[in-house]
Amino acid sequence: MGFWIFMLLMVELIPVAMLAIGFWFRRRPPATINFIVGYRTARSMQNEDTWRFAHQHCGAVWQKIGLVLVPLSVLIMAFFYDASEEKVGVLAGGLCIVQCVVLLCSVIPTERALKRTFDESGKRREDAPPRA
C-alpha cells in the first residue's frame, strides 16, 4: 500500500504542476522575455504583447488539462490499488509518459491562438479577438 500511495503522489506531480504553473502564467507571466523561464517559442518571443498573450493562453490550457488529469489519474490508479508493485510501477510510468505527451501537445492550441491573433511580425491582427 505504501508503494501505491507513493506512486499516486508521483503520478499527480505533472497535473498539479500544470495547475499551479497555469495559474501563475495567467496571473503573472514572466515580466521580461527570456530564454530560461516561460512559454518560449519563436512566435511567443516576438514582443511583449505576444509574450503576455502566449502565457495567458497557455496558462488557461494547462489549468483546463490539469483539472481533467488530476481526477482521471487518481481514478486510473484506484483500479490498481491491490495490484502488485510491478504492475503499479508500470502503470504509473505509463501514466506519466501520457501526461508528458499531453503537456507537450498543449503547445498546439497556444501556437494556433498566437497565429490567429498576431501576424508574422508579431503585430495584433485587425480582426483579432479583443484583449483579455
C-alpha atoms as a PDB file:
ATOM      1  CA  MET A   1       0.000   0.000   0.000  1.00  0.00           C
ATOM      2  CA  GLY A   2       2.877   2.379   0.763  1.00  0.00           C
ATOM      3  CA  PHE A   3       4.282   1.954  -2.743  1.00  0.00           C
ATOM      4  CA  TRP A   4       0.853   2.571  -4.283  1.00  0.00           C
ATOM      5  CA  ILE A   5       0.470   5.841  -2.319  1.00  0.00           C
ATOM      6  CA  PHE A   6       3.963   6.929  -3.328  1.00  0.00           C
ATOM      7  CA  MET A   7       3.251   6.214  -6.998  1.00  0.00           C
ATOM      8  CA  LEU A   8      -0.112   8.018  -6.769  1.00  0.00           C
ATOM      9  CA  LEU A   9       1.719  11.097  -5.496  1.00  0.00           C
ATOM     10  CA  MET A  10       4.273  10.805  -8.303  1.00  0.00           C
ATOM     11  CA  VAL A  11       1.529  10.465 -10.923  1.00  0.00           C
ATOM     12  CA  GLU A  12      -0.121  13.623  -9.588  1.00  0.00           C
ATOM     13  CA  LEU A  13       3.027  15.764  -9.858  1.00  0.00           C
ATOM     14  CA  ILE A  14       2.600  16.663 -13.536  1.00  0.00           C
ATOM     15  CA  PRO A  15      -1.110  17.589 -13.407  1.00  0.00           C
ATOM     16  CA  VAL A  16      -0.692  19.549 -10.171  1.00  0.00           C
ATOM     17  CA  ALA A  17       2.315  21.368 -11.659  1.00  0.00           C
ATOM     18  CA  MET A  18       0.200  22.177 -14.735  1.00  0.00           C
ATOM     19  CA  LEU A  19      -2.486  23.659 -12.491  1.00  0.00           C
ATOM     20  CA  ALA A  20      -0.022  25.702 -10.445  1.00  0.00           C
ATOM     21  CA  ILE A  21       2.085  26.945 -13.356  1.00  0.00           C
ATOM     22  CA  GLY A  22      -1.073  27.585 -15.406  1.00  0.00           C
ATOM     23  CA  PHE A  23      -2.391  29.774 -12.594  1.00  0.00           C
ATOM     24  CA  TRP A  24       0.952  31.555 -12.355  1.00  0.00           C
ATOM     25  CA  PHE A  25       1.199  32.138 -16.132  1.00  0.00           C
ATOM     26  CA  ARG A  26      -2.329  33.524 -16.311  1.00  0.00           C
ATOM     27  CA  ARG A  27      -1.914  35.895 -13.382  1.00  0.00           C
ATOM     28  CA  ARG A  28       1.746  36.911 -13.593  1.00  0.00           C
ATOM     29  CA  PRO A  29       3.597  35.868 -16.718  1.00  0.00           C
ATOM     30  CA  PRO A  30       7.381  36.308 -16.550  1.00  0.00           C
ATOM     31  CA  ALA A  31       7.978  40.062 -16.678  1.00  0.00           C
ATOM     32  CA  THR A  32      10.553  40.008 -19.439  1.00  0.00           C
ATOM     33  CA  ILE A  33      11.104  37.867 -22.494  1.00  0.00           C
ATOM     34  CA  ASN A  34      13.869  35.430 -21.596  1.00  0.00           C
ATOM     35  CA  PHE A  35      15.364  32.097 -22.608  1.00  0.00           C
ATOM     36  CA  ILE A  36      15.086  30.446 -19.180  1.00  0.00           C
ATOM     37  CA  VAL A  37      11.558  30.670 -17.738  1.00  0.00           C
ATOM     38  CA  GLY A  38       8.236  30.679 -19.534  1.00  0.00           C
ATOM     39  CA  TYR A  39       6.483  29.609 -22.703  1.00  0.00           C
ATOM     40  CA  ARG A  40       9.310  30.067 -25.196  1.00  0.00           C
ATOM     41  CA  THR A  41       8.654  29.701 -28.908  1.00  0.00           C
ATOM     42  CA  ALA A  42       9.738  31.920 -31.780  1.00  0.00           C
ATOM     43  CA  ARG A  43       6.209  33.291 -32.132  1.00  0.00           C
ATOM     44  CA  SER A  44       5.684  33.943 -28.403  1.00  0.00           C
ATOM     45  CA  MET A  45       9.012  35.757 -28.024  1.00  0.00           C
ATOM     46  CA  GLN A  46       8.475  38.316 -30.788  1.00  0.00           C
ATOM     47  CA  ASN A  47       7.402  41.135 -28.471  1.00  0.00           C
ATOM     48  CA  GLU A  48       5.845  41.861 -25.069  1.00  0.00           C
ATOM     49  CA  ASP A  49       2.279  41.525 -26.396  1.00  0.00           C
ATOM     50  CA  THR A  50       2.860  38.062 -27.894  1.00  0.00           C
ATOM     51  CA  TRP A  51       4.778  37.032 -24.759  1.00  0.00           C
ATOM     52  CA  ARG A  52       1.932  38.053 -22.438  1.00  0.00           C
ATOM     53  CA  PHE A  53      -0.749  36.569 -24.704  1.00  0.00           C
ATOM     54  CA  ALA A  54       1.075  33.226 -25.027  1.00  0.00           C
ATOM     55  CA  HIS A  55       1.456  32.872 -21.267  1.00  0.00           C
ATOM     56  CA  GLN A  56      -2.154  33.743 -20.568  1.00  0.00           C
ATOM     57  CA  HIS A  57      -3.397  31.332 -23.223  1.00  0.00           C
ATOM     58  CA  CYS A  58      -1.023  28.508 -22.288  1.00  0.00           C
ATOM     59  CA  GLY A  59      -1.861  29.038 -18.607  1.00  0.00           C
ATOM     60  CA  ALA A  60      -5.558  28.636 -19.342  1.00  0.00           C
ATOM     61  CA  VAL A  61      -4.907  25.484 -21.388  1.00  0.00           C
ATOM     62  CA  TRP A  62      -2.733  23.990 -18.644  1.00  0.00           C
ATOM     63  CA  GLN A  63      -5.344  24.737 -15.998  1.00  0.00           C
ATOM     64  CA  LYS A  64      -8.070  23.012 -18.001  1.00  0.00           C
ATOM     65  CA  ILE A  65      -5.880  19.994 -18.743  1.00  0.00           C
ATOM     66  CA  GLY A  66      -4.712  19.801 -15.128  1.00  0.00           C
ATOM     67  CA  LEU A  67      -8.293  19.847 -13.876  1.00  0.00           C
ATOM     68  CA  VAL A  68      -9.029  16.839 -16.079  1.00  0.00           C
ATOM     69  CA  LEU A  69      -5.798  14.923 -15.420  1.00  0.00           C
ATOM     70  CA  VAL A  70      -5.840  15.138 -11.604  1.00  0.00           C
ATOM     71  CA  PRO A  71      -9.057  13.180 -11.025  1.00  0.00           C
ATOM     72  CA  LEU A  72      -8.555  10.975 -14.086  1.00  0.00           C
ATOM     73  CA  SER A  73      -5.129   9.878 -12.850  1.00  0.00           C
ATOM     74  CA  VAL A  74      -6.499   9.148  -9.371  1.00  0.00           C
ATOM     75  CA  LEU A  75      -9.337   7.122 -10.893  1.00  0.00           C
ATOM     76  CA  ILE A  76      -6.990   5.064 -13.065  1.00  0.00           C
ATOM     77  CA  MET A  77      -4.648   4.427 -10.148  1.00  0.00           C
ATOM     78  CA  ALA A  78      -7.598   3.421  -7.938  1.00  0.00           C
ATOM     79  CA  PHE A  79      -8.347   0.486 -10.227  1.00  0.00           C
ATOM     80  CA  PHE A  80      -4.875  -0.877  -9.425  1.00  0.00           C
ATOM     81  CA  TYR A  81      -4.995  -0.382  -5.656  1.00  0.00           C
ATOM     82  CA  ASP A  82      -4.489  -4.077  -4.880  1.00  0.00           C
ATOM     83  CA  ALA A  83      -2.167  -4.820  -7.798  1.00  0.00           C
ATOM     84  CA  SER A  84       1.447  -5.909  -7.441  1.00  0.00           C
ATOM     85  CA  GLU A  85       4.192  -3.329  -7.089  1.00  0.00           C
ATOM     86  CA  GLU A  86       5.413  -4.220 -10.563  1.00  0.00           C
ATOM     87  CA  LYS A  87       2.019  -3.516 -12.148  1.00  0.00           C
ATOM     88  CA  VAL A  88       1.573  -0.298 -10.182  1.00  0.00           C
ATOM     89  CA  GLY A  89       5.055   0.874 -11.202  1.00  0.00           C
ATOM     90  CA  VAL A  90       4.487   0.131 -14.874  1.00  0.00           C
ATOM     91  CA  LEU A  91       1.059   1.792 -14.791  1.00  0.00           C
ATOM     92  CA  ALA A  92       2.403   4.903 -13.047  1.00  0.00           C
ATOM     93  CA  GLY A  93       5.279   5.159 -15.523  1.00  0.00           C
ATOM     94  CA  GLY A  94       2.853   4.841 -18.419  1.00  0.00           C
ATOM     95  CA  LEU A  95       0.566   7.487 -16.950  1.00  0.00           C
ATOM     96  CA  CYS A  96       3.499   9.875 -16.545  1.00  0.00           C
ATOM     97  CA  ILE A  97       4.502   9.345 -20.182  1.00  0.00           C
ATOM     98  CA  VAL A  98       0.933  10.040 -21.347  1.00  0.00           C
ATOM     99  CA  GLN A  99       0.792  13.153 -19.152  1.00  0.00           C
ATOM    100  CA  CYS A 100       4.066  14.422 -20.636  1.00  0.00           C
ATOM    101  CA  VAL A 101       2.735  13.892 -24.164  1.00  0.00           C
ATOM    102  CA  VAL A 102      -0.439  15.814 -23.262  1.00  0.00           C
ATOM    103  CA  LEU A 103       1.713  18.562 -21.738  1.00  0.00           C
ATOM    104  CA  LEU A 104       3.755  18.850 -24.934  1.00  0.00           C
ATOM    105  CA  CYS A 105       0.626  18.802 -27.106  1.00  0.00           C
ATOM    106  CA  SER A 106      -0.644  21.880 -25.254  1.00  0.00           C
ATOM    107  CA  VAL A 107       1.741  23.880 -27.433  1.00  0.00           C
ATOM    108  CA  ILE A 108      -0.531  23.276 -30.441  1.00  0.00           C
ATOM    109  CA  PRO A 109      -3.590  25.285 -29.304  1.00  0.00           C
ATOM    110  CA  THR A 110      -1.390  28.076 -27.977  1.00  0.00           C
ATOM    111  CA  GLU A 111       0.524  28.401 -31.240  1.00  0.00           C
ATOM    112  CA  ARG A 112      -2.749  28.351 -33.189  1.00  0.00           C
ATOM    113  CA  ALA A 113      -4.127  31.122 -30.982  1.00  0.00           C
ATOM    114  CA  LEU A 114      -0.956  33.160 -31.482  1.00  0.00           C
ATOM    115  CA  LYS A 115      -1.214  32.692 -35.249  1.00  0.00           C
ATOM    116  CA  ARG A 116      -4.897  33.734 -35.231  1.00  0.00           C
ATOM    117  CA  THR A 117      -4.230  36.802 -33.081  1.00  0.00           C
ATOM    118  CA  PHE A 118      -0.899  38.074 -34.440  1.00  0.00           C
ATOM    119  CA  ASP A 119       0.597  38.408 -37.908  1.00  0.00           C
ATOM    120  CA  GLU A 120       4.056  37.088 -38.848  1.00  0.00           C
ATOM    121  CA  SER A 121       5.783  40.202 -37.497  1.00  0.00           C
ATOM    122  CA  GLY A 122       4.049  39.958 -34.119  1.00  0.00           C
ATOM    123  CA  LYS A 123       1.532  42.755 -34.634  1.00  0.00           C
ATOM    124  CA  ARG A 124      -2.003  42.175 -33.447  1.00  0.00           C
ATOM    125  CA  ARG A 125      -4.361  41.474 -36.345  1.00  0.00           C
ATOM    126  CA  GLU A 126      -7.204  43.904 -37.047  1.00  0.00           C
ATOM    127  CA  ASP A 127      -9.762  41.076 -36.842  1.00  0.00           C
ATOM    128  CA  ALA A 128      -8.170  39.538 -33.720  1.00  0.00           C
ATOM    129  CA  PRO A 129     -10.296  38.965 -30.627  1.00  0.00           C
ATOM    130  CA  PRO A 130     -10.126  41.842 -28.102  1.00  0.00           C
ATOM    131  CA  ARG A 131      -7.528  41.748 -25.350  1.00  0.00           C
ATOM    132  CA  ALA A 132      -8.484  39.920 -22.206  1.00  0.00           C
END
